[in-house]
Amino acid sequence: MRKITIKTYEGSCHCGAVKFEADIDLKAGTTKCNCSFCRKARSWFVLIKPDAFRLTDKTQLATYQFGKKTLRHHFCSHCGIRTFGGSNDEIIPADKAWVYVCVGALDDATQTELKKAPVKVVDGLHDKFEKELAGADGL
Protein backbone atom coordinates (compact mmCIF):
# COMPACT_ATOMS: atom_id res chain seq x y z
CA MET A 1 0.00 0.00 0.00
CA ARG A 2 1.34 3.42 -1.00
CA LYS A 3 2.11 5.91 1.74
CA ILE A 4 0.15 9.17 1.46
CA THR A 5 2.55 12.10 1.22
CA ILE A 6 0.54 15.29 1.37
CA LYS A 7 2.59 18.45 1.09
CA THR A 8 1.43 22.06 1.21
CA TYR A 9 2.47 23.81 -1.99
CA GLU A 10 2.40 27.49 -2.78
CA GLY A 11 1.30 28.50 -6.24
CA SER A 12 0.74 31.61 -8.29
CA CYS A 13 0.24 33.11 -11.70
CA HIS A 14 3.21 34.57 -13.60
CA CYS A 15 2.90 38.12 -12.24
CA GLY A 16 2.00 37.06 -8.67
CA ALA A 17 -1.41 38.75 -8.51
CA VAL A 18 -3.15 35.40 -7.92
CA LYS A 19 -1.69 33.20 -5.18
CA PHE A 20 -2.82 30.07 -3.40
CA GLU A 21 -1.83 27.24 -1.10
CA ALA A 22 -2.86 23.65 -1.73
CA ASP A 23 -2.40 20.39 0.15
CA ILE A 24 -1.46 17.87 -2.53
CA ASP A 25 -0.13 14.33 -2.78
CA LEU A 26 1.62 14.43 -6.18
CA LYS A 27 2.52 10.75 -5.82
CA ALA A 28 -1.21 9.96 -5.95
CA GLY A 29 -1.22 11.13 -9.54
CA THR A 30 -1.95 13.99 -11.86
CA THR A 31 -4.27 14.30 -14.84
CA LYS A 32 -4.30 15.51 -18.41
CA CYS A 33 -7.54 15.76 -20.37
CA ASN A 34 -8.23 15.66 -24.09
CA CYS A 35 -11.27 17.98 -24.15
CA SER A 36 -11.04 21.02 -26.42
CA PHE A 37 -10.28 23.43 -23.57
CA CYS A 38 -7.62 21.32 -21.88
CA ARG A 39 -6.00 20.36 -25.17
CA LYS A 40 -5.59 23.99 -26.23
CA ALA A 41 -4.34 25.02 -22.77
CA ARG A 42 -2.03 21.97 -22.54
CA SER A 43 -3.54 21.37 -19.13
CA TRP A 44 -1.79 19.29 -16.51
CA PHE A 45 -3.55 19.32 -13.18
CA VAL A 46 -4.18 17.59 -9.90
CA LEU A 47 -7.62 17.16 -8.34
CA ILE A 48 -8.14 17.92 -4.65
CA LYS A 49 -11.01 18.56 -2.26
CA PRO A 50 -12.01 22.20 -1.72
CA ASP A 51 -10.85 22.20 1.92
CA ALA A 52 -7.31 21.40 0.70
CA PHE A 53 -7.19 24.67 -1.27
CA ARG A 54 -6.73 28.22 0.04
CA LEU A 55 -6.74 31.30 -2.16
CA THR A 56 -4.32 33.76 -0.54
CA ASP A 57 -4.36 36.61 -3.09
CA LYS A 58 -7.02 37.17 -5.71
CA THR A 59 -6.10 40.69 -6.77
CA GLN A 60 -6.51 39.96 -10.49
CA LEU A 61 -8.63 36.77 -10.39
CA ALA A 62 -10.95 36.24 -13.35
CA THR A 63 -13.17 33.31 -14.31
CA TYR A 64 -14.04 31.61 -17.57
CA GLN A 65 -16.92 29.19 -18.12
CA PHE A 66 -18.30 27.55 -21.22
CA GLY A 67 -20.78 24.89 -22.29
CA LYS A 68 -22.85 23.53 -19.41
CA LYS A 69 -20.97 25.79 -16.96
CA THR A 70 -20.31 22.91 -14.56
CA LEU A 71 -16.68 24.05 -14.27
CA ARG A 72 -15.07 27.33 -13.37
CA HIS A 73 -11.62 28.04 -14.79
CA HIS A 74 -9.76 30.76 -12.87
CA PHE A 75 -6.94 32.81 -14.31
CA CYS A 76 -5.10 36.08 -13.75
CA SER A 77 -6.69 38.95 -15.66
CA HIS A 78 -3.28 40.69 -15.79
CA CYS A 79 -0.85 38.02 -17.04
CA GLY A 80 -3.39 35.47 -18.30
CA ILE A 81 -2.03 32.41 -16.49
CA ARG A 82 -4.63 29.83 -15.44
CA THR A 83 -3.85 28.67 -11.92
CA PHE A 84 -6.82 26.62 -10.72
CA GLY A 85 -10.48 25.92 -11.20
CA GLY A 86 -13.10 23.51 -10.11
CA SER A 87 -16.68 22.47 -9.91
CA ASN A 88 -19.34 25.17 -10.06
CA ASP A 89 -20.87 25.29 -6.57
CA GLU A 90 -24.12 26.60 -8.05
CA ILE A 91 -24.56 23.31 -9.97
CA ILE A 92 -22.44 20.63 -8.26
CA PRO A 93 -23.46 19.56 -4.71
CA ALA A 94 -20.94 20.39 -1.98
CA ASP A 95 -20.29 16.70 -1.23
CA LYS A 96 -19.18 16.17 -4.84
CA ALA A 97 -17.18 19.42 -5.17
CA TRP A 98 -13.54 19.46 -6.23
CA VAL A 99 -10.76 21.84 -7.18
CA TYR A 100 -8.16 21.35 -9.87
CA VAL A 101 -4.77 22.94 -9.46
CA CYS A 102 -2.60 23.53 -12.51
CA VAL A 103 0.66 21.71 -11.85
CA GLY A 104 2.61 24.39 -13.73
CA ALA A 105 1.38 27.01 -11.24
CA LEU A 106 3.01 25.24 -8.27
CA ASP A 107 5.92 27.49 -7.34
CA ASP A 108 7.71 25.12 -5.01
CA ALA A 109 7.18 21.72 -6.64
CA THR A 110 10.62 20.39 -7.49
CA GLN A 111 11.57 18.97 -10.89
CA THR A 112 12.09 15.62 -9.19
CA GLU A 113 8.58 15.65 -7.70
CA LEU A 114 7.07 16.57 -11.06
CA LYS A 115 9.01 13.89 -12.95
CA LYS A 116 7.90 11.23 -10.46
CA ALA A 117 4.22 12.27 -10.43
CA PRO A 118 2.13 9.69 -12.25
CA VAL A 119 0.07 11.14 -15.14
CA LYS A 120 -3.20 9.75 -16.45
CA VAL A 121 -4.99 11.04 -19.52
CA VAL A 122 -8.79 11.07 -19.41
CA ASP A 123 -11.37 11.25 -22.20
CA GLY A 124 -13.03 14.57 -21.45
CA LEU A 125 -13.60 15.09 -25.16
CA HIS A 126 -16.42 12.54 -24.94
CA ASP A 127 -17.42 13.38 -21.32
CA LYS A 128 -15.97 10.06 -20.17
CA PHE A 129 -13.70 11.38 -17.45
CA GLU A 130 -13.54 7.96 -15.80
CA LYS A 131 -11.99 6.49 -18.98
CA GLU A 132 -8.21 6.57 -19.00
CA LEU A 133 -6.58 6.86 -22.42
CA ALA A 134 -3.25 5.37 -23.41
CA GLY A 135 -0.38 7.31 -24.91
CA ALA A 136 -1.02 10.11 -27.34
CA ASP A 137 -4.76 9.30 -27.69
CA GLY A 138 -5.48 11.89 -25.05
CA LEU A 139 -3.15 14.58 -26.25
C-alpha atoms as a PDB file:
ATOM      1  CA  MET A   1       0.000   0.000   0.000  1.00  0.00           C
ATOM      2  CA  ARG A   2       1.344   3.419  -0.998  1.00  0.00           C
ATOM      3  CA  LYS A   3       2.107   5.915   1.738  1.00  0.00           C
ATOM      4  CA  ILE A   4       0.149   9.167   1.463  1.00  0.00           C
ATOM      5  CA  THR A   5       2.553  12.099   1.222  1.00  0.00           C
ATOM      6  CA  ILE A   6       0.535  15.289   1.371  1.00  0.00           C
ATOM      7  CA  LYS A   7       2.589  18.448   1.092  1.00  0.00           C
ATOM      8  CA  THR A   8       1.427  22.058   1.212  1.00  0.00           C
ATOM      9  CA  TYR A   9       2.468  23.812  -1.994  1.00  0.00           C
ATOM     10  CA  GLU A  10       2.395  27.488  -2.782  1.00  0.00           C
ATOM     11  CA  GLY A  11       1.304  28.501  -6.240  1.00  0.00           C
ATOM     12  CA  SER A  12       0.741  31.607  -8.292  1.00  0.00           C
ATOM     13  CA  CYS A  13       0.240  33.107 -11.704  1.00  0.00           C
ATOM     14  CA  HIS A  14       3.205  34.574 -13.598  1.00  0.00           C
ATOM     15  CA  CYS A  15       2.899  38.124 -12.239  1.00  0.00           C
ATOM     16  CA  GLY A  16       1.999  37.059  -8.666  1.00  0.00           C
ATOM     17  CA  ALA A  17      -1.410  38.750  -8.513  1.00  0.00           C
ATOM     18  CA  VAL A  18      -3.148  35.401  -7.922  1.00  0.00           C
ATOM     19  CA  LYS A  19      -1.686  33.203  -5.179  1.00  0.00           C
ATOM     20  CA  PHE A  20      -2.816  30.070  -3.401  1.00  0.00           C
ATOM     21  CA  GLU A  21      -1.826  27.237  -1.097  1.00  0.00           C
ATOM     22  CA  ALA A  22      -2.864  23.652  -1.726  1.00  0.00           C
ATOM     23  CA  ASP A  23      -2.401  20.389   0.154  1.00  0.00           C
ATOM     24  CA  ILE A  24      -1.463  17.869  -2.532  1.00  0.00           C
ATOM     25  CA  ASP A  25      -0.131  14.333  -2.783  1.00  0.00           C
ATOM     26  CA  LEU A  26       1.622  14.433  -6.176  1.00  0.00           C
ATOM     27  CA  LYS A  27       2.524  10.748  -5.822  1.00  0.00           C
ATOM     28  CA  ALA A  28      -1.211   9.961  -5.946  1.00  0.00           C
ATOM     29  CA  GLY A  29      -1.223  11.126  -9.537  1.00  0.00           C
ATOM     30  CA  THR A  30      -1.947  13.993 -11.860  1.00  0.00           C
ATOM     31  CA  THR A  31      -4.268  14.296 -14.836  1.00  0.00           C
ATOM     32  CA  LYS A  32      -4.302  15.510 -18.409  1.00  0.00           C
ATOM     33  CA  CYS A  33      -7.541  15.764 -20.370  1.00  0.00           C
ATOM     34  CA  ASN A  34      -8.234  15.657 -24.092  1.00  0.00           C
ATOM     35  CA  CYS A  35     -11.272  17.980 -24.152  1.00  0.00           C
ATOM     36  CA  SER A  36     -11.044  21.024 -26.422  1.00  0.00           C
ATOM     37  CA  PHE A  37     -10.284  23.435 -23.574  1.00  0.00           C
ATOM     38  CA  CYS A  38      -7.615  21.321 -21.877  1.00  0.00           C
ATOM     39  CA  ARG A  39      -6.004  20.361 -25.165  1.00  0.00           C
ATOM     40  CA  LYS A  40      -5.586  23.994 -26.228  1.00  0.00           C
ATOM     41  CA  ALA A  41      -4.342  25.022 -22.765  1.00  0.00           C
ATOM     42  CA  ARG A  42      -2.029  21.971 -22.535  1.00  0.00           C
ATOM     43  CA  SER A  43      -3.543  21.368 -19.129  1.00  0.00           C
ATOM     44  CA  TRP A  44      -1.789  19.287 -16.507  1.00  0.00           C
ATOM     45  CA  PHE A  45      -3.552  19.323 -13.185  1.00  0.00           C
ATOM     46  CA  VAL A  46      -4.180  17.591  -9.897  1.00  0.00           C
ATOM     47  CA  LEU A  47      -7.617  17.159  -8.340  1.00  0.00           C
ATOM     48  CA  ILE A  48      -8.137  17.921  -4.652  1.00  0.00           C
ATOM     49  CA  LYS A  49     -11.010  18.556  -2.265  1.00  0.00           C
ATOM     50  CA  PRO A  50     -12.014  22.200  -1.725  1.00  0.00           C
ATOM     51  CA  ASP A  51     -10.855  22.202   1.916  1.00  0.00           C
ATOM     52  CA  ALA A  52      -7.313  21.402   0.700  1.00  0.00           C
ATOM     53  CA  PHE A  53      -7.188  24.668  -1.273  1.00  0.00           C
ATOM     54  CA  ARG A  54      -6.731  28.225   0.040  1.00  0.00           C
ATOM     55  CA  LEU A  55      -6.738  31.302  -2.160  1.00  0.00           C
ATOM     56  CA  THR A  56      -4.320  33.759  -0.542  1.00  0.00           C
ATOM     57  CA  ASP A  57      -4.358  36.614  -3.091  1.00  0.00           C
ATOM     58  CA  LYS A  58      -7.023  37.172  -5.711  1.00  0.00           C
ATOM     59  CA  THR A  59      -6.101  40.691  -6.774  1.00  0.00           C
ATOM     60  CA  GLN A  60      -6.514  39.957 -10.491  1.00  0.00           C
ATOM     61  CA  LEU A  61      -8.627  36.771 -10.385  1.00  0.00           C
ATOM     62  CA  ALA A  62     -10.948  36.240 -13.345  1.00  0.00           C
ATOM     63  CA  THR A  63     -13.170  33.306 -14.308  1.00  0.00           C
ATOM     64  CA  TYR A  64     -14.038  31.610 -17.571  1.00  0.00           C
ATOM     65  CA  GLN A  65     -16.915  29.188 -18.117  1.00  0.00           C
ATOM     66  CA  PHE A  66     -18.303  27.552 -21.219  1.00  0.00           C
ATOM     67  CA  GLY A  67     -20.780  24.888 -22.291  1.00  0.00           C
ATOM     68  CA  LYS A  68     -22.850  23.535 -19.414  1.00  0.00           C
ATOM     69  CA  LYS A  69     -20.965  25.791 -16.963  1.00  0.00           C
ATOM     70  CA  THR A  70     -20.312  22.913 -14.559  1.00  0.00           C
ATOM     71  CA  LEU A  71     -16.676  24.046 -14.270  1.00  0.00           C
ATOM     72  CA  ARG A  72     -15.068  27.334 -13.371  1.00  0.00           C
ATOM     73  CA  HIS A  73     -11.622  28.042 -14.794  1.00  0.00           C
ATOM     74  CA  HIS A  74      -9.761  30.761 -12.866  1.00  0.00           C
ATOM     75  CA  PHE A  75      -6.938  32.806 -14.305  1.00  0.00           C
ATOM     76  CA  CYS A  76      -5.103  36.080 -13.750  1.00  0.00           C
ATOM     77  CA  SER A  77      -6.686  38.949 -15.659  1.00  0.00           C
ATOM     78  CA  HIS A  78      -3.284  40.688 -15.790  1.00  0.00           C
ATOM     79  CA  CYS A  79      -0.848  38.022 -17.038  1.00  0.00           C
ATOM     80  CA  GLY A  80      -3.391  35.472 -18.303  1.00  0.00           C
ATOM     81  CA  ILE A  81      -2.025  32.406 -16.493  1.00  0.00           C
ATOM     82  CA  ARG A  82      -4.628  29.832 -15.437  1.00  0.00           C
ATOM     83  CA  THR A  83      -3.849  28.667 -11.916  1.00  0.00           C
ATOM     84  CA  PHE A  84      -6.816  26.618 -10.719  1.00  0.00           C
ATOM     85  CA  GLY A  85     -10.484  25.919 -11.205  1.00  0.00           C
ATOM     86  CA  GLY A  86     -13.103  23.507 -10.109  1.00  0.00           C
ATOM     87  CA  SER A  87     -16.675  22.474  -9.908  1.00  0.00           C
ATOM     88  CA  ASN A  88     -19.342  25.171 -10.058  1.00  0.00           C
ATOM     89  CA  ASP A  89     -20.870  25.287  -6.566  1.00  0.00           C
ATOM     90  CA  GLU A  90     -24.125  26.600  -8.049  1.00  0.00           C
ATOM     91  CA  ILE A  91     -24.558  23.309  -9.965  1.00  0.00           C
ATOM     92  CA  ILE A  92     -22.437  20.628  -8.263  1.00  0.00           C
ATOM     93  CA  PRO A  93     -23.464  19.559  -4.713  1.00  0.00           C
ATOM     94  CA  ALA A  94     -20.937  20.387  -1.981  1.00  0.00           C
ATOM     95  CA  ASP A  95     -20.287  16.700  -1.230  1.00  0.00           C
ATOM     96  CA  LYS A  96     -19.180  16.169  -4.842  1.00  0.00           C
ATOM     97  CA  ALA A  97     -17.184  19.418  -5.170  1.00  0.00           C
ATOM     98  CA  TRP A  98     -13.538  19.461  -6.233  1.00  0.00           C
ATOM     99  CA  VAL A  99     -10.758  21.836  -7.184  1.00  0.00           C
ATOM    100  CA  TYR A 100      -8.162  21.353  -9.873  1.00  0.00           C
ATOM    101  CA  VAL A 101      -4.767  22.941  -9.460  1.00  0.00           C
ATOM    102  CA  CYS A 102      -2.601  23.532 -12.513  1.00  0.00           C
ATOM    103  CA  VAL A 103       0.656  21.714 -11.845  1.00  0.00           C
ATOM    104  CA  GLY A 104       2.605  24.390 -13.734  1.00  0.00           C
ATOM    105  CA  ALA A 105       1.380  27.005 -11.241  1.00  0.00           C
ATOM    106  CA  LEU A 106       3.010  25.242  -8.267  1.00  0.00           C
ATOM    107  CA  ASP A 107       5.922  27.493  -7.341  1.00  0.00           C
ATOM    108  CA  ASP A 108       7.708  25.119  -5.006  1.00  0.00           C
ATOM    109  CA  ALA A 109       7.178  21.721  -6.642  1.00  0.00           C
ATOM    110  CA  THR A 110      10.624  20.388  -7.488  1.00  0.00           C
ATOM    111  CA  GLN A 111      11.574  18.973 -10.888  1.00  0.00           C
ATOM    112  CA  THR A 112      12.087  15.620  -9.189  1.00  0.00           C
ATOM    113  CA  GLU A 113       8.578  15.655  -7.695  1.00  0.00           C
ATOM    114  CA  LEU A 114       7.069  16.572 -11.056  1.00  0.00           C
ATOM    115  CA  LYS A 115       9.009  13.891 -12.951  1.00  0.00           C
ATOM    116  CA  LYS A 116       7.896  11.232 -10.459  1.00  0.00           C
ATOM    117  CA  ALA A 117       4.222  12.274 -10.431  1.00  0.00           C
ATOM    118  CA  PRO A 118       2.126   9.692 -12.255  1.00  0.00           C
ATOM    119  CA  VAL A 119       0.069  11.139 -15.137  1.00  0.00           C
ATOM    120  CA  LYS A 120      -3.197   9.754 -16.449  1.00  0.00           C
ATOM    121  CA  VAL A 121      -4.991  11.043 -19.522  1.00  0.00           C
ATOM    122  CA  VAL A 122      -8.795  11.074 -19.413  1.00  0.00           C
ATOM    123  CA  ASP A 123     -11.372  11.251 -22.198  1.00  0.00           C
ATOM    124  CA  GLY A 124     -13.034  14.574 -21.451  1.00  0.00           C
ATOM    125  CA  LEU A 125     -13.604  15.091 -25.164  1.00  0.00           C
ATOM    126  CA  HIS A 126     -16.423  12.541 -24.942  1.00  0.00           C
ATOM    127  CA  ASP A 127     -17.418  13.383 -21.323  1.00  0.00           C
ATOM    128  CA  LYS A 128     -15.973  10.055 -20.170  1.00  0.00           C
ATOM    129  CA  PHE A 129     -13.695  11.377 -17.451  1.00  0.00           C
ATOM    130  CA  GLU A 130     -13.540   7.964 -15.802  1.00  0.00           C
ATOM    131  CA  LYS A 131     -11.987   6.490 -18.980  1.00  0.00           C
ATOM    132  CA  GLU A 132      -8.206   6.573 -19.001  1.00  0.00           C
ATOM    133  CA  LEU A 133      -6.576   6.857 -22.424  1.00  0.00           C
ATOM    134  CA  ALA A 134      -3.252   5.369 -23.406  1.00  0.00           C
ATOM    135  CA  GLY A 135      -0.375   7.309 -24.906  1.00  0.00           C
ATOM    136  CA  ALA A 136      -1.020  10.110 -27.342  1.00  0.00           C
ATOM    137  CA  ASP A 137      -4.755   9.297 -27.692  1.00  0.00           C
ATOM    138  CA  GLY A 138      -5.481  11.887 -25.052  1.00  0.00           C
ATOM    139  CA  LEU A 139      -3.146  14.582 -26.255  1.00  0.00           C
END
